[in-house]
């Protein structure tokens, strides 16, 4: 299984600039059972919540990449 963060970065490197790609990370909940909200900030955002920051970032990247590709198909 490929890493969605790597896939997003590679896709943007080939098709657009990666310089505007950034992440916003917010921890919610208690220290012993946190939930992480991660947003992939770009023209299209991918947002995800998960028990770990890595899981949330992976899911946000997956959603952002899918949204970018969907927008390109509409053109």
PDB file of N, CA and C in Angstrom:
ATOM      1  N   UNK A   1       0.848  -1.176   0.000  1.00  0.00           N
ATOM      2  CA  UNK A   1       0.000   0.000   0.000  1.00  0.00           C
ATOM      3  C   UNK A   1       0.894   1.241   0.000  1.00  0.00           C
ATOM      4  N   UNK A   2       0.586   2.184  -0.866  1.00  0.00           N
ATOM      5  CA  UNK A   2       1.415   3.382  -0.949  1.00  0.00           C
ATOM      6  C   UNK A   2       1.056   4.376   0.149  1.00  0.00           C
ATOM      7  N   UNK A   3       1.997   5.214   0.462  1.00  0.00           N
ATOM      8  CA  UNK A   3       1.826   6.246   1.473  1.00  0.00           C
ATOM      9  C   UNK A   3       1.116   7.435   0.822  1.00  0.00           C
ATOM     10  N   UNK A   4      -0.103   7.808   1.278  1.00  0.00           N
ATOM     11  CA  UNK A   4      -0.838   8.903   0.654  1.00  0.00           C
ATOM     12  C   UNK A   4      -0.117  10.249   0.710  1.00  0.00           C
ATOM     13  N   UNK A   5       0.632  10.515   1.769  1.00  0.00           N
ATOM     14  CA  UNK A   5       1.364  11.781   1.865  1.00  0.00           C
ATOM     15  C   UNK A   5       2.439  11.833   0.775  1.00  0.00           C
ATOM     16  N   UNK A   6       3.156  10.738   0.608  1.00  0.00           N
ATOM     17  CA  UNK A   6       4.170  10.656  -0.440  1.00  0.00           C
ATOM     18  C   UNK A   6       3.534  10.747  -1.820  1.00  0.00           C
ATOM     19  N   UNK A   7       2.411  10.058  -2.008  1.00  0.00           N
ATOM     20  CA  UNK A   7       1.717  10.099  -3.297  1.00  0.00           C
ATOM     21  C   UNK A   7       1.267  11.511  -3.639  1.00  0.00           C
ATOM     22  N   UNK A   8       0.722  12.227  -2.652  1.00  0.00           N
ATOM     23  CA  UNK A   8       0.289  13.605  -2.873  1.00  0.00           C
ATOM     24  C   UNK A   8       1.478  14.484  -3.236  1.00  0.00           C
ATOM     25  N   UNK A   9       2.556  14.363  -2.485  1.00  0.00           N
ATOM     26  CA  UNK A   9       3.749  15.169  -2.745  1.00  0.00           C
ATOM     27  C   UNK A   9       4.311  14.882  -4.136  1.00  0.00           C
ATOM     28  N   UNK A  10       4.405  13.612  -4.492  1.00  0.00           N
ATOM     29  CA  UNK A  10       4.932  13.238  -5.806  1.00  0.00           C
ATOM     30  C   UNK A  10       4.037  13.746  -6.928  1.00  0.00           C
ATOM     31  N   UNK A  11       2.729  13.629  -6.741  1.00  0.00           N
ATOM     32  CA  UNK A  11       1.789  14.097  -7.753  1.00  0.00           C
ATOM     33  C   UNK A  11       1.931  15.602  -7.964  1.00  0.00           C
ATOM     34  N   UNK A  12       1.972  16.355  -6.873  1.00  0.00           N
ATOM     35  CA  UNK A  12       2.103  17.807  -6.982  1.00  0.00           C
ATOM     36  C   UNK A  12       3.448  18.208  -7.574  1.00  0.00           C
ATOM     37  N   UNK A  13       4.491  17.453  -7.262  1.00  0.00           N
ATOM     38  CA  UNK A  13       5.814  17.754  -7.813  1.00  0.00           C
ATOM     39  C   UNK A  13       5.828  17.598  -9.335  1.00  0.00           C
ATOM     40  N   UNK A  14       5.063  16.643  -9.846  1.00  0.00           N
ATOM     41  CA  UNK A  14       5.015  16.413 -11.287  1.00  0.00           C
ATOM     42  C   UNK A  14       4.090  17.391 -12.003  1.00  0.00           C
ATOM     43  N   UNK A  15       3.019  17.796 -11.352  1.00  0.00           N
ATOM     44  CA  UNK A  15       1.985  18.563 -12.040  1.00  0.00           C
ATOM     45  C   UNK A  15       1.895  20.030 -11.627  1.00  0.00           C
ATOM     46  N   UNK A  16       2.318  20.348 -10.428  1.00  0.00           N
ATOM     47  CA  UNK A  16       2.181  21.699  -9.898  1.00  0.00           C
ATOM     48  C   UNK A  16       3.355  21.963  -8.971  1.00  0.00           C
ATOM     49  N   UNK A  17       3.276  23.026  -8.250  1.00  0.00           N
ATOM     50  CA  UNK A  17       4.311  23.346  -7.268  1.00  0.00           C
ATOM     51  C   UNK A  17       3.937  22.764  -5.914  1.00  0.00           C
ATOM     52  N   UNK A  18       4.922  22.231  -5.218  1.00  0.00           N
ATOM     53  CA  UNK A  18       4.676  21.728  -3.864  1.00  0.00           C
ATOM     54  C   UNK A  18       4.965  22.789  -2.818  1.00  0.00           C
ATOM     55  N   UNK A  19       5.424  23.959  -3.250  1.00  0.00           N
ATOM     56  CA  UNK A  19       5.830  24.983  -2.277  1.00  0.00           C
ATOM     57  C   UNK A  19       4.675  25.501  -1.434  1.00  0.00           C
ATOM     58  N   UNK A  20       3.449  25.422  -1.962  1.00  0.00           N
ATOM     59  CA  UNK A  20       2.316  25.927  -1.188  1.00  0.00           C
ATOM     60  C   UNK A  20       1.616  24.829  -0.393  1.00  0.00           C
ATOM     61  N   UNK A  21       2.150  23.630  -0.418  1.00  0.00           N
ATOM     62  CA  UNK A  21       1.573  22.531   0.347  1.00  0.00           C
ATOM     63  C   UNK A  21       1.971  22.674   1.808  1.00  0.00           C
ATOM     64  N   UNK A  22       0.979  22.712   2.685  1.00  0.00           N
ATOM     65  CA  UNK A  22       1.266  22.808   4.115  1.00  0.00           C
ATOM     66  C   UNK A  22       0.218  22.024   4.887  1.00  0.00           C
ATOM     67  N   UNK A  23       0.493  21.817   6.151  1.00  0.00           N
ATOM     68  CA  UNK A  23      -0.374  21.025   7.012  1.00  0.00           C
ATOM     69  C   UNK A  23      -0.721  21.818   8.262  1.00  0.00           C
ATOM     70  N   UNK A  24      -1.958  21.688   8.703  1.00  0.00           N
ATOM     71  CA  UNK A  24      -2.391  22.259   9.980  1.00  0.00           C
ATOM     72  C   UNK A  24      -2.797  21.087  10.862  1.00  0.00           C
ATOM     73  N   UNK A  25      -2.226  21.007  12.039  1.00  0.00           N
ATOM     74  CA  UNK A  25      -2.469  19.882  12.952  1.00  0.00           C
ATOM     75  C   UNK A  25      -3.016  20.406  14.269  1.00  0.00           C
ATOM     76  N   UNK A  26      -4.135  19.817  14.723  1.00  0.00           N
ATOM     77  CA  UNK A  26      -4.764  20.221  15.975  1.00  0.00           C
ATOM     78  C   UNK A  26      -5.051  18.983  16.811  1.00  0.00           C
ATOM     79  N   UNK A  27      -4.589  18.993  18.037  1.00  0.00           N
ATOM     80  CA  UNK A  27      -4.834  17.878  18.956  1.00  0.00           C
ATOM     81  C   UNK A  27      -6.098  18.178  19.753  1.00  0.00           C
ATOM     82  N   UNK A  28      -6.993  17.198  19.820  1.00  0.00           N
ATOM     83  CA  UNK A  28      -8.226  17.330  20.590  1.00  0.00           C
ATOM     84  C   UNK A  28      -8.307  16.177  21.587  1.00  0.00           C
ATOM     85  N   UNK A  29      -9.030  16.392  22.653  1.00  0.00           N
ATOM     86  CA  UNK A  29      -9.224  15.320  23.622  1.00  0.00           C
ATOM     87  C   UNK A  29      -8.133  15.273  24.667  1.00  0.00           C
ATOM     88  N   UNK A  30      -8.125  14.191  25.410  1.00  0.00           N
ATOM     89  CA  UNK A  30      -7.186  14.029  26.514  1.00  0.00           C
ATOM     90  C   UNK A  30      -5.840  13.521  26.018  1.00  0.00           C
ATOM     91  N   UNK A  31      -4.814  13.674  26.854  1.00  0.00           N
ATOM     92  CA  UNK A  31      -3.476  13.221  26.474  1.00  0.00           C
ATOM     93  C   UNK A  31      -3.399  11.707  26.293  1.00  0.00           C
ATOM     94  N   UNK A  32      -4.183  10.960  27.059  1.00  0.00           N
ATOM     95  CA  UNK A  32      -4.099   9.497  26.964  1.00  0.00           C
ATOM     96  C   UNK A  32      -4.963   8.928  25.833  1.00  0.00           C
ATOM     97  N   UNK A  33      -5.854   9.728  25.254  1.00  0.00           N
ATOM     98  CA  UNK A  33      -6.681   9.269  24.133  1.00  0.00           C
ATOM     99  C   UNK A  33      -6.971  10.436  23.193  1.00  0.00           C
ATOM    100  N   UNK A  34      -5.925  10.994  22.577  1.00  0.00           N
ATOM    101  CA  UNK A  34      -6.142  12.171  21.731  1.00  0.00           C
ATOM    102  C   UNK A  34      -6.761  11.807  20.382  1.00  0.00           C
ATOM    103  N   UNK A  35      -7.342  12.789  19.773  1.00  0.00           N
ATOM    104  CA  UNK A  35      -7.779  12.716  18.389  1.00  0.00           C
ATOM    105  C   UNK A  35      -7.084  13.849  17.668  1.00  0.00           C
ATOM    106  N   UNK A  36      -6.550  13.557  16.517  1.00  0.00           N
ATOM    107  CA  UNK A  36      -5.837  14.565  15.736  1.00  0.00           C
ATOM    108  C   UNK A  36      -6.671  14.978  14.542  1.00  0.00           C
ATOM    109  N   UNK A  37      -6.817  16.282  14.356  1.00  0.00           N
ATOM    110  CA  UNK A  37      -7.452  16.849  13.177  1.00  0.00           C
ATOM    111  C   UNK A  37      -6.328  17.417  12.318  1.00  0.00           C
ATOM    112  N   UNK A  38      -6.214  16.916  11.104  1.00  0.00           N
ATOM    113  CA  UNK A  38      -5.151  17.354  10.204  1.00  0.00           C
ATOM    114  C   UNK A  38      -5.791  17.862   8.917  1.00  0.00           C
ATOM    115  N   UNK A  39      -5.355  19.038   8.478  1.00  0.00           N
ATOM    116  CA  UNK A  39      -5.835  19.612   7.229  1.00  0.00           C
ATOM    117  C   UNK A  39      -4.673  19.743   6.257  1.00  0.00           C
ATOM    118  N   UNK A  40      -4.901  19.295   5.054  1.00  0.00           N
ATOM    119  CA  UNK A  40      -3.952  19.511   3.974  1.00  0.00           C
ATOM    120  C   UNK A  40      -4.354  20.824   3.325  1.00  0.00           C
ATOM    121  N   UNK A  41      -3.512  21.824   3.491  1.00  0.00           N
ATOM    122  CA  UNK A  41      -3.851  23.157   2.987  1.00  0.00           C
ATOM    123  C   UNK A  41      -3.275  23.352   1.590  1.00  0.00           C
ATOM    124  N   UNK A  42      -4.135  23.651   0.702  1.00  0.00           N
ATOM    125  CA  UNK A  42      -3.796  23.911  -0.697  1.00  0.00           C
ATOM    126  C   UNK A  42      -5.047  24.544  -1.299  1.00  0.00           C
ATOM    127  N   UNK A  43      -5.135  24.633  -2.597  1.00  0.00           N
ATOM    128  CA  UNK A  43      -6.360  25.115  -3.219  1.00  0.00           C
ATOM    129  C   UNK A  43      -7.504  24.195  -2.815  1.00  0.00           C
ATOM    130  N   UNK A  44      -7.234  22.924  -2.802  1.00  0.00           N
ATOM    131  CA  UNK A  44      -8.201  21.931  -2.350  1.00  0.00           C
ATOM    132  C   UNK A  44      -7.717  21.403  -1.017  1.00  0.00           C
ATOM    133  N   UNK A  45      -8.602  21.314  -0.040  1.00  0.00           N
ATOM    134  CA  UNK A  45      -8.204  20.835   1.282  1.00  0.00           C
ATOM    135  C   UNK A  45      -8.646  19.393   1.477  1.00  0.00           C
ATOM    136  N   UNK A  46      -7.836  18.659   2.188  1.00  0.00           N
ATOM    137  CA  UNK A  46      -8.207  17.346   2.670  1.00  0.00           C
ATOM    138  C   UNK A  46      -8.179  17.426   4.185  1.00  0.00           C
ATOM    139  N   UNK A  47      -9.240  17.012   4.831  1.00  0.00           N
ATOM    140  CA  UNK A  47      -9.340  17.091   6.282  1.00  0.00           C
ATOM    141  C   UNK A  47      -9.672  15.717   6.834  1.00  0.00           C
ATOM    142  N   UNK A  48      -9.033  15.344   7.937  1.00  0.00           N
ATOM    143  CA  UNK A  48      -9.307  14.043   8.543  1.00  0.00           C
ATOM    144  C   UNK A  48      -9.065  14.094  10.041  1.00  0.00           C
ATOM    145  N   UNK A  49      -9.793  13.260  10.758  1.00  0.00           N
ATOM    146  CA  UNK A  49      -9.599  13.082  12.195  1.00  0.00           C
ATOM    147  C   UNK A  49      -9.276  11.629  12.455  1.00  0.00           C
ATOM    148  N   UNK A  50      -8.319  11.377  13.331  1.00  0.00           N
ATOM    149  CA  UNK A  50      -7.915  10.009  13.655  1.00  0.00           C
ATOM    150  C   UNK A  50      -7.233   9.996  15.016  1.00  0.00           C
ATOM    151  N   UNK A  51      -7.065   8.809  15.598  1.00  0.00           N
ATOM    152  CA  UNK A  51      -6.427   8.709  16.910  1.00  0.00           C
ATOM    153  C   UNK A  51      -4.950   9.098  16.919  1.00  0.00           C
ATOM    154  N   UNK A  52      -4.283   9.006  15.768  1.00  0.00           N
ATOM    155  CA  UNK A  52      -2.873   9.412  15.713  1.00  0.00           C
ATOM    156  C   UNK A  52      -2.692  10.469  14.633  1.00  0.00           C
ATOM    157  N   UNK A  53      -1.672  11.289  14.818  1.00  0.00           N
ATOM    158  CA  UNK A  53      -1.398  12.348  13.847  1.00  0.00           C
ATOM    159  C   UNK A  53      -1.040  11.753  12.487  1.00  0.00           C
ATOM    160  N   UNK A  54      -0.307  10.655  12.478  1.00  0.00           N
ATOM    161  CA  UNK A  54       0.083  10.023  11.223  1.00  0.00           C
ATOM    162  C   UNK A  54      -1.133   9.501  10.466  1.00  0.00           C
ATOM    163  N   UNK A  55      -2.049   8.841  11.162  1.00  0.00           N
ATOM    164  CA  UNK A  55      -3.259   8.338  10.512  1.00  0.00           C
ATOM    165  C   UNK A  55      -4.080   9.485   9.933  1.00  0.00           C
ATOM    166  N   UNK A  56      -4.217  10.563  10.693  1.00  0.00           N
ATOM    167  CA  UNK A  56      -4.988  11.710  10.225  1.00  0.00           C
ATOM    168  C   UNK A  56      -4.325  12.353   9.012  1.00  0.00           C
ATOM    169  N   UNK A  57      -3.012  12.475   9.041  1.00  0.00           N
ATOM    170  CA  UNK A  57      -2.290  13.091   7.926  1.00  0.00           C
ATOM    171  C   UNK A  57      -2.405  12.231   6.671  1.00  0.00           C
ATOM    172  N   UNK A  58      -2.295  10.923   6.828  1.00  0.00           N
ATOM    173  CA  UNK A  58      -2.428  10.012   5.691  1.00  0.00           C
ATOM    174  C   UNK A  58      -3.811  10.152   5.052  1.00  0.00           C
ATOM    175  N   UNK A  59      -4.844  10.177   5.876  1.00  0.00           N
ATOM    176  CA  UNK A  59      -6.212  10.277   5.365  1.00  0.00           C
ATOM    177  C   UNK A  59      -6.463  11.641   4.727  1.00  0.00           C
ATOM    178  N   UNK A  60      -5.945  12.704   5.325  1.00  0.00           N
ATOM    179  CA  UNK A  60      -6.101  14.045   4.751  1.00  0.00           C
ATOM    180  C   UNK A  60      -5.412  14.130   3.390  1.00  0.00           C
ATOM    181  N   UNK A  61      -4.237  13.540   3.277  1.00  0.00           N
ATOM    182  CA  UNK A  61      -3.514  13.532   2.002  1.00  0.00           C
ATOM    183  C   UNK A  61      -4.284  12.751   0.945  1.00  0.00           C
ATOM    184  N   UNK A  62      -4.838  11.618   1.348  1.00  0.00           N
ATOM    185  CA  UNK A  62      -5.614  10.796   0.422  1.00  0.00           C
ATOM    186  C   UNK A  62      -6.813  11.586  -0.113  1.00  0.00           C
ATOM    187  N   UNK A  63      -7.510  12.289   0.780  1.00  0.00           N
ATOM    188  CA  UNK A  63      -8.672  13.085   0.373  1.00  0.00           C
ATOM    189  C   UNK A  63      -8.264  14.258  -0.513  1.00  0.00           C
ATOM    190  N   UNK A  64      -7.165  14.915  -0.181  1.00  0.00           N
ATOM    191  CA  UNK A  64      -6.704  16.052  -0.979  1.00  0.00           C
ATOM    192  C   UNK A  64      -6.322  15.609  -2.388  1.00  0.00           C
ATOM    193  N   UNK A  65      -5.607  14.502  -2.493  1.00  0.00           N
ATOM    194  CA  UNK A  65      -5.198  13.996  -3.800  1.00  0.00           C
ATOM    195  C   UNK A  65      -6.423  13.615  -4.634  1.00  0.00           C
ATOM    196  N   UNK A  66      -7.400  12.967  -4.015  1.00  0.00           N
ATOM    197  CA  UNK A  66      -8.626  12.595  -4.727  1.00  0.00           C
ATOM    198  C   UNK A  66      -9.378  13.835  -5.208  1.00  0.00           C
ATOM    199  N   UNK A  67      -9.432  14.862  -4.380  1.00  0.00           N
ATOM    200  CA  UNK A  67     -10.127  16.096  -4.759  1.00  0.00           C
ATOM    201  C   UNK A  67      -9.413  16.807  -5.902  1.00  0.00           C
ATOM    202  N   UNK A  68      -8.092  16.851  -5.858  1.00  0.00           N
ATOM    203  CA  UNK A  68      -7.321  17.493  -6.927  1.00  0.00           C
ATOM    204  C   UNK A  68      -7.535  16.754  -8.243  1.00  0.00           C
ATOM    205  N   UNK A  69      -7.476  15.434  -8.202  1.00  0.00           N
ATOM    206  CA  UNK A  69      -7.676  14.645  -9.419  1.00  0.00           C
ATOM    207  C   UNK A  69      -9.101  14.799  -9.948  1.00  0.00           C
ATOM    208  N   UNK A  70     -10.088  14.854  -9.054  1.00  0.00           N
ATOM    209  CA  UNK A  70     -11.483  15.041  -9.473  1.00  0.00           C
ATOM    210  C   UNK A  70     -11.667  16.393 -10.148  1.00  0.00           C
ATOM    211  N   UNK A  71     -11.031  17.423  -9.617  1.00  0.00           N
ATOM    212  CA  UNK A  71     -11.110  18.752 -10.229  1.00  0.00           C
ATOM    213  C   UNK A  71     -10.489  18.753 -11.624  1.00  0.00           C
ATOM    214  N   UNK A  72      -9.388  18.041 -11.792  1.00  0.00           N
ATOM    215  CA  UNK A  72      -8.730  17.984 -13.100  1.00  0.00           C
ATOM    216  C   UNK A  72      -9.588  17.251 -14.127  1.00  0.00           C
ATOM    217  N   UNK A  73     -10.328  16.230 -13.675  1.00  0.00           N
ATOM    218  CA  UNK A  73     -11.193  15.477 -14.582  1.00  0.00           C
ATOM    219  C   UNK A  73     -12.363  16.325 -15.063  1.00  0.00           C
ATOM    220  N   UNK A  74     -12.787  17.292 -14.259  1.00  0.00           N
ATOM    221  CA  UNK A  74     -13.904  18.165 -14.631  1.00  0.00           C
ATOM    222  C   UNK A  74     -13.515  19.150 -15.723  1.00  0.00           C
ATOM    223  N   UNK A  75     -12.222  19.419 -15.837  1.00  0.00           N
ATOM    224  CA  UNK A  75     -11.751  20.429 -16.804  1.00  0.00           C
ATOM    225  C   UNK A  75     -11.704  19.897 -18.206  1.00  0.00           C
TER     226      UNK A  75
END
